[in-house]
Amino acid sequence: MSHFSALVRKQILNSSLMLWHEQLEVIKKALEKSLKIIDNGSYILDKSNFIKFITLDTLLINHSL
């Protein structure tokens, strides 16, 4: 079962088509909803690079870059 709404899931899964700041807004919205976040995988948030790992509709984040 997903912790994300269908819209957020769709936005995250389609984020490769978004600009970096659009991707960041999707992540912020997901975090504001107090969804379960698993500290695994990695994110690099900057204008030149936005690397993400998504598995089974769950957002995986590693805060140590």
PDB file of N, CA and C in Angstrom:
ATOM      1  N   MET A   1       0.839  -1.189   0.000  1.00  0.00           N
ATOM      2  CA  MET A   1       0.000   0.000   0.000  1.00  0.00           C
ATOM      3  C   MET A   1       0.879   1.245   0.000  1.00  0.00           C
ATOM      4  N   SER A   2       0.523   2.208  -0.803  1.00  0.00           N
ATOM      5  CA  SER A   2       1.318   3.424  -0.931  1.00  0.00           C
ATOM      6  C   SER A   2       0.986   4.415   0.178  1.00  0.00           C
ATOM      7  N   HIS A   3       1.998   5.174   0.574  1.00  0.00           N
ATOM      8  CA  HIS A   3       1.803   6.248   1.538  1.00  0.00           C
ATOM      9  C   HIS A   3       1.519   7.566   0.824  1.00  0.00           C
ATOM     10  N   PHE A   4       1.565   7.560  -0.506  1.00  0.00           N
ATOM     11  CA  PHE A   4       1.359   8.768  -1.284  1.00  0.00           C
ATOM     12  C   PHE A   4       0.007   8.751  -1.971  1.00  0.00           C
ATOM     13  N   SER A   5      -0.593   9.922  -2.089  1.00  0.00           N
ATOM     14  CA  SER A   5      -1.832  10.018  -2.856  1.00  0.00           C
ATOM     15  C   SER A   5      -1.511   9.722  -4.319  1.00  0.00           C
ATOM     16  N   ALA A   6      -2.530   9.369  -5.072  1.00  0.00           N
ATOM     17  CA  ALA A   6      -2.322   9.043  -6.487  1.00  0.00           C
ATOM     18  C   ALA A   6      -1.676  10.211  -7.228  1.00  0.00           C
ATOM     19  N   LEU A   7      -2.103  11.439  -6.921  1.00  0.00           N
ATOM     20  CA  LEU A   7      -1.559  12.608  -7.605  1.00  0.00           C
ATOM     21  C   LEU A   7      -0.081  12.794  -7.288  1.00  0.00           C
ATOM     22  N   VAL A   8       0.278  12.690  -6.002  1.00  0.00           N
ATOM     23  CA  VAL A   8       1.684  12.844  -5.620  1.00  0.00           C
ATOM     24  C   VAL A   8       2.517  11.732  -6.235  1.00  0.00           C
ATOM     25  N   ARG A   9       1.997  10.497  -6.207  1.00  0.00           N
ATOM     26  CA  ARG A   9       2.710   9.371  -6.830  1.00  0.00           C
ATOM     27  C   ARG A   9       2.983   9.661  -8.302  1.00  0.00           C
ATOM     28  N   LYS A  10       1.945  10.125  -8.980  1.00  0.00           N
ATOM     29  CA  LYS A  10       2.082  10.408 -10.411  1.00  0.00           C
ATOM     30  C   LYS A  10       3.112  11.504 -10.635  1.00  0.00           C
ATOM     31  N   GLN A  11       3.065  12.545  -9.800  1.00  0.00           N
ATOM     32  CA  GLN A  11       4.010  13.646  -9.951  1.00  0.00           C
ATOM     33  C   GLN A  11       5.441  13.175  -9.714  1.00  0.00           C
ATOM     34  N   ILE A  12       5.633  12.346  -8.682  1.00  0.00           N
ATOM     35  CA  ILE A  12       6.976  11.858  -8.385  1.00  0.00           C
ATOM     36  C   ILE A  12       7.471  10.959  -9.515  1.00  0.00           C
ATOM     37  N   LEU A  13       6.622  10.040  -9.944  1.00  0.00           N
ATOM     38  CA  LEU A  13       7.033   9.101 -10.982  1.00  0.00           C
ATOM     39  C   LEU A  13       7.275   9.795 -12.317  1.00  0.00           C
ATOM     40  N   ASN A  14       6.635  10.934 -12.531  1.00  0.00           N
ATOM     41  CA  ASN A  14       6.833  11.689 -13.762  1.00  0.00           C
ATOM     42  C   ASN A  14       7.851  12.816 -13.589  1.00  0.00           C
ATOM     43  N   SER A  15       8.549  12.833 -12.468  1.00  0.00           N
ATOM     44  CA  SER A  15       9.421  13.961 -12.165  1.00  0.00           C
ATOM     45  C   SER A  15      10.605  14.081 -13.117  1.00  0.00           C
ATOM     46  N   SER A  16      10.919  13.014 -13.841  1.00  0.00           N
ATOM     47  CA  SER A  16      12.007  13.118 -14.818  1.00  0.00           C
ATOM     48  C   SER A  16      11.669  14.121 -15.921  1.00  0.00           C
ATOM     49  N   LEU A  17      10.376  14.434 -16.075  1.00  0.00           N
ATOM     50  CA  LEU A  17       9.948  15.408 -17.075  1.00  0.00           C
ATOM     51  C   LEU A  17       9.878  16.822 -16.509  1.00  0.00           C
ATOM     52  N   MET A  18      10.151  16.974 -15.200  1.00  0.00           N
ATOM     53  CA  MET A  18      10.040  18.273 -14.540  1.00  0.00           C
ATOM     54  C   MET A  18      11.396  18.944 -14.412  1.00  0.00           C
ATOM     55  N   LEU A  19      11.369  20.258 -14.254  1.00  0.00           N
ATOM     56  CA  LEU A  19      12.576  20.992 -13.897  1.00  0.00           C
ATOM     57  C   LEU A  19      12.895  20.717 -12.432  1.00  0.00           C
ATOM     58  N   TRP A  20      14.146  20.991 -12.020  1.00  0.00           N
ATOM     59  CA  TRP A  20      14.563  20.650 -10.654  1.00  0.00           C
ATOM     60  C   TRP A  20      13.689  21.323  -9.613  1.00  0.00           C
ATOM     61  N   HIS A  21      13.303  22.599  -9.821  1.00  0.00           N
ATOM     62  CA  HIS A  21      12.506  23.293  -8.803  1.00  0.00           C
ATOM     63  C   HIS A  21      11.075  22.758  -8.755  1.00  0.00           C
ATOM     64  N   GLU A  22      10.568  22.252  -9.862  1.00  0.00           N
ATOM     65  CA  GLU A  22       9.250  21.617  -9.855  1.00  0.00           C
ATOM     66  C   GLU A  22       9.304  20.308  -9.075  1.00  0.00           C
ATOM     67  N   GLN A  23      10.385  19.551  -9.250  1.00  0.00           N
ATOM     68  CA  GLN A  23      10.564  18.310  -8.500  1.00  0.00           C
ATOM     69  C   GLN A  23      10.641  18.608  -7.007  1.00  0.00           C
ATOM     70  N   LEU A  24      11.374  19.652  -6.647  1.00  0.00           N
ATOM     71  CA  LEU A  24      11.526  20.024  -5.244  1.00  0.00           C
ATOM     72  C   LEU A  24      10.174  20.362  -4.622  1.00  0.00           C
ATOM     73  N   GLU A  25       9.304  21.045  -5.354  1.00  0.00           N
ATOM     74  CA  GLU A  25       7.974  21.384  -4.844  1.00  0.00           C
ATOM     75  C   GLU A  25       7.144  20.130  -4.577  1.00  0.00           C
ATOM     76  N   VAL A  26       7.256  19.132  -5.444  1.00  0.00           N
ATOM     77  CA  VAL A  26       6.538  17.875  -5.224  1.00  0.00           C
ATOM     78  C   VAL A  26       7.007  17.234  -3.927  1.00  0.00           C
ATOM     79  N   ILE A  27       8.326  17.210  -3.712  1.00  0.00           N
ATOM     80  CA  ILE A  27       8.878  16.620  -2.494  1.00  0.00           C
ATOM     81  C   ILE A  27       8.407  17.388  -1.272  1.00  0.00           C
ATOM     82  N   LYS A  28       8.445  18.726  -1.326  1.00  0.00           N
ATOM     83  CA  LYS A  28       7.986  19.544  -0.195  1.00  0.00           C
ATOM     84  C   LYS A  28       6.527  19.238   0.138  1.00  0.00           C
ATOM     85  N   LYS A  29       5.678  19.146  -0.865  1.00  0.00           N
ATOM     86  CA  LYS A  29       4.262  18.856  -0.635  1.00  0.00           C
ATOM     87  C   LYS A  29       4.084  17.490   0.010  1.00  0.00           C
ATOM     88  N   ALA A  30       4.859  16.516  -0.448  1.00  0.00           N
ATOM     89  CA  ALA A  30       4.772  15.176   0.134  1.00  0.00           C
ATOM     90  C   ALA A  30       5.201  15.202   1.594  1.00  0.00           C
ATOM     91  N   LEU A  31       6.275  15.922   1.908  1.00  0.00           N
ATOM     92  CA  LEU A  31       6.768  15.983   3.282  1.00  0.00           C
ATOM     93  C   LEU A  31       5.782  16.703   4.200  1.00  0.00           C
ATOM     94  N   GLU A  32       5.103  17.728   3.689  1.00  0.00           N
ATOM     95  CA  GLU A  32       4.136  18.481   4.490  1.00  0.00           C
ATOM     96  C   GLU A  32       2.962  17.618   4.926  1.00  0.00           C
ATOM     97  N   LYS A  33       2.692  16.545   4.230  1.00  0.00           N
ATOM     98  CA  LYS A  33       1.567  15.680   4.566  1.00  0.00           C
ATOM     99  C   LYS A  33       1.936  14.629   5.605  1.00  0.00           C
ATOM    100  N   SER A  34       3.152  14.739   6.185  1.00  0.00           N
ATOM    101  CA  SER A  34       3.617  13.812   7.224  1.00  0.00           C
ATOM    102  C   SER A  34       3.546  12.361   6.758  1.00  0.00           C
ATOM    103  N   LEU A  35       3.967  12.130   5.541  1.00  0.00           N
ATOM    104  CA  LEU A  35       3.975  10.780   5.015  1.00  0.00           C
ATOM    105  C   LEU A  35       5.183  10.025   5.552  1.00  0.00           C
ATOM    106  N   LYS A  36       5.095   8.717   5.512  1.00  0.00           N
ATOM    107  CA  LYS A  36       6.202   7.902   5.988  1.00  0.00           C
ATOM    108  C   LYS A  36       7.379   8.042   5.021  1.00  0.00           C
ATOM    109  N   ILE A  37       8.508   8.499   5.538  1.00  0.00           N
ATOM    110  CA  ILE A  37       9.701   8.668   4.725  1.00  0.00           C
ATOM    111  C   ILE A  37      10.747   7.679   5.207  1.00  0.00           C
ATOM    112  N   ILE A  38      11.278   6.884   4.304  1.00  0.00           N
ATOM    113  CA  ILE A  38      12.304   5.917   4.649  1.00  0.00           C
ATOM    114  C   ILE A  38      13.660   6.525   4.317  1.00  0.00           C
ATOM    115  N   ASP A  39      14.557   6.518   5.292  1.00  0.00           N
ATOM    116  CA  ASP A  39      15.869   7.143   5.119  1.00  0.00           C
ATOM    117  C   ASP A  39      16.806   6.166   4.410  1.00  0.00           C
ATOM    118  N   ASN A  40      16.699   6.122   3.113  1.00  0.00           N
ATOM    119  CA  ASN A  40      17.492   5.196   2.311  1.00  0.00           C
ATOM    120  C   ASN A  40      17.511   5.753   0.888  1.00  0.00           C
ATOM    121  N   GLY A  41      18.478   5.374   0.090  1.00  0.00           N
ATOM    122  CA  GLY A  41      18.596   5.956  -1.236  1.00  0.00           C
ATOM    123  C   GLY A  41      19.293   7.300  -1.123  1.00  0.00           C
ATOM    124  N   SER A  42      19.197   8.139  -2.131  1.00  0.00           N
ATOM    125  CA  SER A  42      19.869   9.433  -2.048  1.00  0.00           C
ATOM    126  C   SER A  42      19.180  10.493  -2.887  1.00  0.00           C
ATOM    127  N   TYR A  43      19.307  11.736  -2.442  1.00  0.00           N
ATOM    128  CA  TYR A  43      18.810  12.906  -3.149  1.00  0.00           C
ATOM    129  C   TYR A  43      19.934  13.914  -3.242  1.00  0.00           C
ATOM    130  N   ILE A  44      20.108  14.499  -4.380  1.00  0.00           N
ATOM    131  CA  ILE A  44      20.994  15.640  -4.534  1.00  0.00           C
ATOM    132  C   ILE A  44      20.114  16.756  -5.083  1.00  0.00           C
ATOM    133  N   LEU A  45      19.917  17.815  -4.303  1.00  0.00           N
ATOM    134  CA  LEU A  45      19.020  18.891  -4.707  1.00  0.00           C
ATOM    135  C   LEU A  45      19.833  20.118  -5.090  1.00  0.00           C
ATOM    136  N   ASP A  46      20.000  20.356  -6.355  1.00  0.00           N
ATOM    137  CA  ASP A  46      20.586  21.596  -6.839  1.00  0.00           C
ATOM    138  C   ASP A  46      20.133  21.788  -8.280  1.00  0.00           C
ATOM    139  N   LYS A  47      20.488  22.922  -8.854  1.00  0.00           N
ATOM    140  CA  LYS A  47      19.975  23.238 -10.186  1.00  0.00           C
ATOM    141  C   LYS A  47      20.507  22.310 -11.264  1.00  0.00           C
ATOM    142  N   SER A  48      21.686  21.753 -11.056  1.00  0.00           N
ATOM    143  CA  SER A  48      22.279  20.941 -12.115  1.00  0.00           C
ATOM    144  C   SER A  48      21.969  19.457 -11.970  1.00  0.00           C
ATOM    145  N   ASN A  49      21.505  19.051 -10.785  1.00  0.00           N
ATOM    146  CA  ASN A  49      21.340  17.618 -10.563  1.00  0.00           C
ATOM    147  C   ASN A  49      20.229  17.355  -9.557  1.00  0.00           C
ATOM    148  N   PHE A  50      19.360  16.416  -9.863  1.00  0.00           N
ATOM    149  CA  PHE A  50      18.316  16.014  -8.920  1.00  0.00           C
ATOM    150  C   PHE A  50      18.178  14.508  -9.073  1.00  0.00           C
ATOM    151  N   ILE A  51      18.917  13.763  -8.250  1.00  0.00           N
ATOM    152  CA  ILE A  51      18.938  12.310  -8.361  1.00  0.00           C
ATOM    153  C   ILE A  51      17.954  11.731  -7.365  1.00  0.00           C
ATOM    154  N   LYS A  52      17.144  10.796  -7.814  1.00  0.00           N
ATOM    155  CA  LYS A  52      16.130  10.239  -6.934  1.00  0.00           C
ATOM    156  C   LYS A  52      16.023   8.734  -7.116  1.00  0.00           C
ATOM    157  N   PHE A  53      15.607   8.078  -6.068  1.00  0.00           N
ATOM    158  CA  PHE A  53      15.335   6.652  -6.120  1.00  0.00           C
ATOM    159  C   PHE A  53      13.923   6.436  -5.607  1.00  0.00           C
ATOM    160  N   ILE A  54      13.112   5.771  -6.401  1.00  0.00           N
ATOM    161  CA  ILE A  54      11.728   5.529  -6.019  1.00  0.00           C
ATOM    162  C   ILE A  54      11.441   4.042  -6.174  1.00  0.00           C
ATOM    163  N   THR A  55      10.883   3.474  -5.133  1.00  0.00           N
ATOM    164  CA  THR A  55      10.587   2.043  -5.190  1.00  0.00           C
ATOM    165  C   THR A  55       9.205   1.792  -4.608  1.00  0.00           C
ATOM    166  N   LEU A  56       8.379   1.054  -5.270  1.00  0.00           N
ATOM    167  CA  LEU A  56       7.036   0.709  -4.784  1.00  0.00           C
ATOM    168  C   LEU A  56       6.254   1.922  -4.295  1.00  0.00           C
ATOM    169  N   ASP A  57       6.349   3.017  -5.025  1.00  0.00           N
ATOM    170  CA  ASP A  57       5.630   4.257  -4.698  1.00  0.00           C
ATOM    171  C   ASP A  57       6.065   4.871  -3.373  1.00  0.00           C
ATOM    172  N   THR A  58       7.195   4.469  -2.837  1.00  0.00           N
ATOM    173  CA  THR A  58       7.673   5.054  -1.585  1.00  0.00           C
ATOM    174  C   THR A  58       8.902   5.893  -1.869  1.00  0.00           C
ATOM    175  N   LEU A  59       8.904   7.100  -1.338  1.00  0.00           N
ATOM    176  CA  LEU A  59      10.022   8.006  -1.530  1.00  0.00           C
ATOM    177  C   LEU A  59      11.161   7.615  -0.593  1.00  0.00           C
ATOM    178  N   LEU A  60      12.345   7.424  -1.139  1.00  0.00           N
ATOM    179  CA  LEU A  60      13.502   7.041  -0.339  1.00  0.00           C
ATOM    180  C   LEU A  60      14.479   8.213  -0.302  1.00  0.00           C
ATOM    181  N   ILE A  61      14.822   8.660   0.899  1.00  0.00           N
ATOM    182  CA  ILE A  61      15.686   9.828   1.036  1.00  0.00           C
ATOM    183  C   ILE A  61      16.852   9.519   1.954  1.00  0.00           C
ATOM    184  N   ASN A  62      18.031   9.971   1.571  1.00  0.00           N
ATOM    185  CA  ASN A  62      19.199   9.916   2.441  1.00  0.00           C
ATOM    186  C   ASN A  62      19.643  11.356   2.662  1.00  0.00           C
ATOM    187  N   HIS A  63      19.653  11.816   3.902  1.00  0.00           N
ATOM    188  CA  HIS A  63      19.963  13.209   4.194  1.00  0.00           C
ATOM    189  C   HIS A  63      21.458  13.492   4.209  1.00  0.00           C
ATOM    190  N   SER A  64      22.297  12.468   4.225  1.00  0.00           N
ATOM    191  CA  SER A  64      23.743  12.683   4.205  1.00  0.00           C
ATOM    192  C   SER A  64      24.225  12.607   2.765  1.00  0.00           C
ATOM    193  N   LEU A  65      24.638  13.742   2.226  1.00  0.00           N
ATOM    194  CA  LEU A  65      25.044  13.798   0.816  1.00  0.00           C
ATOM    195  C   LEU A  65      26.534  13.558   0.694  1.00  0.00           C
TER     196      LEU A  65
END
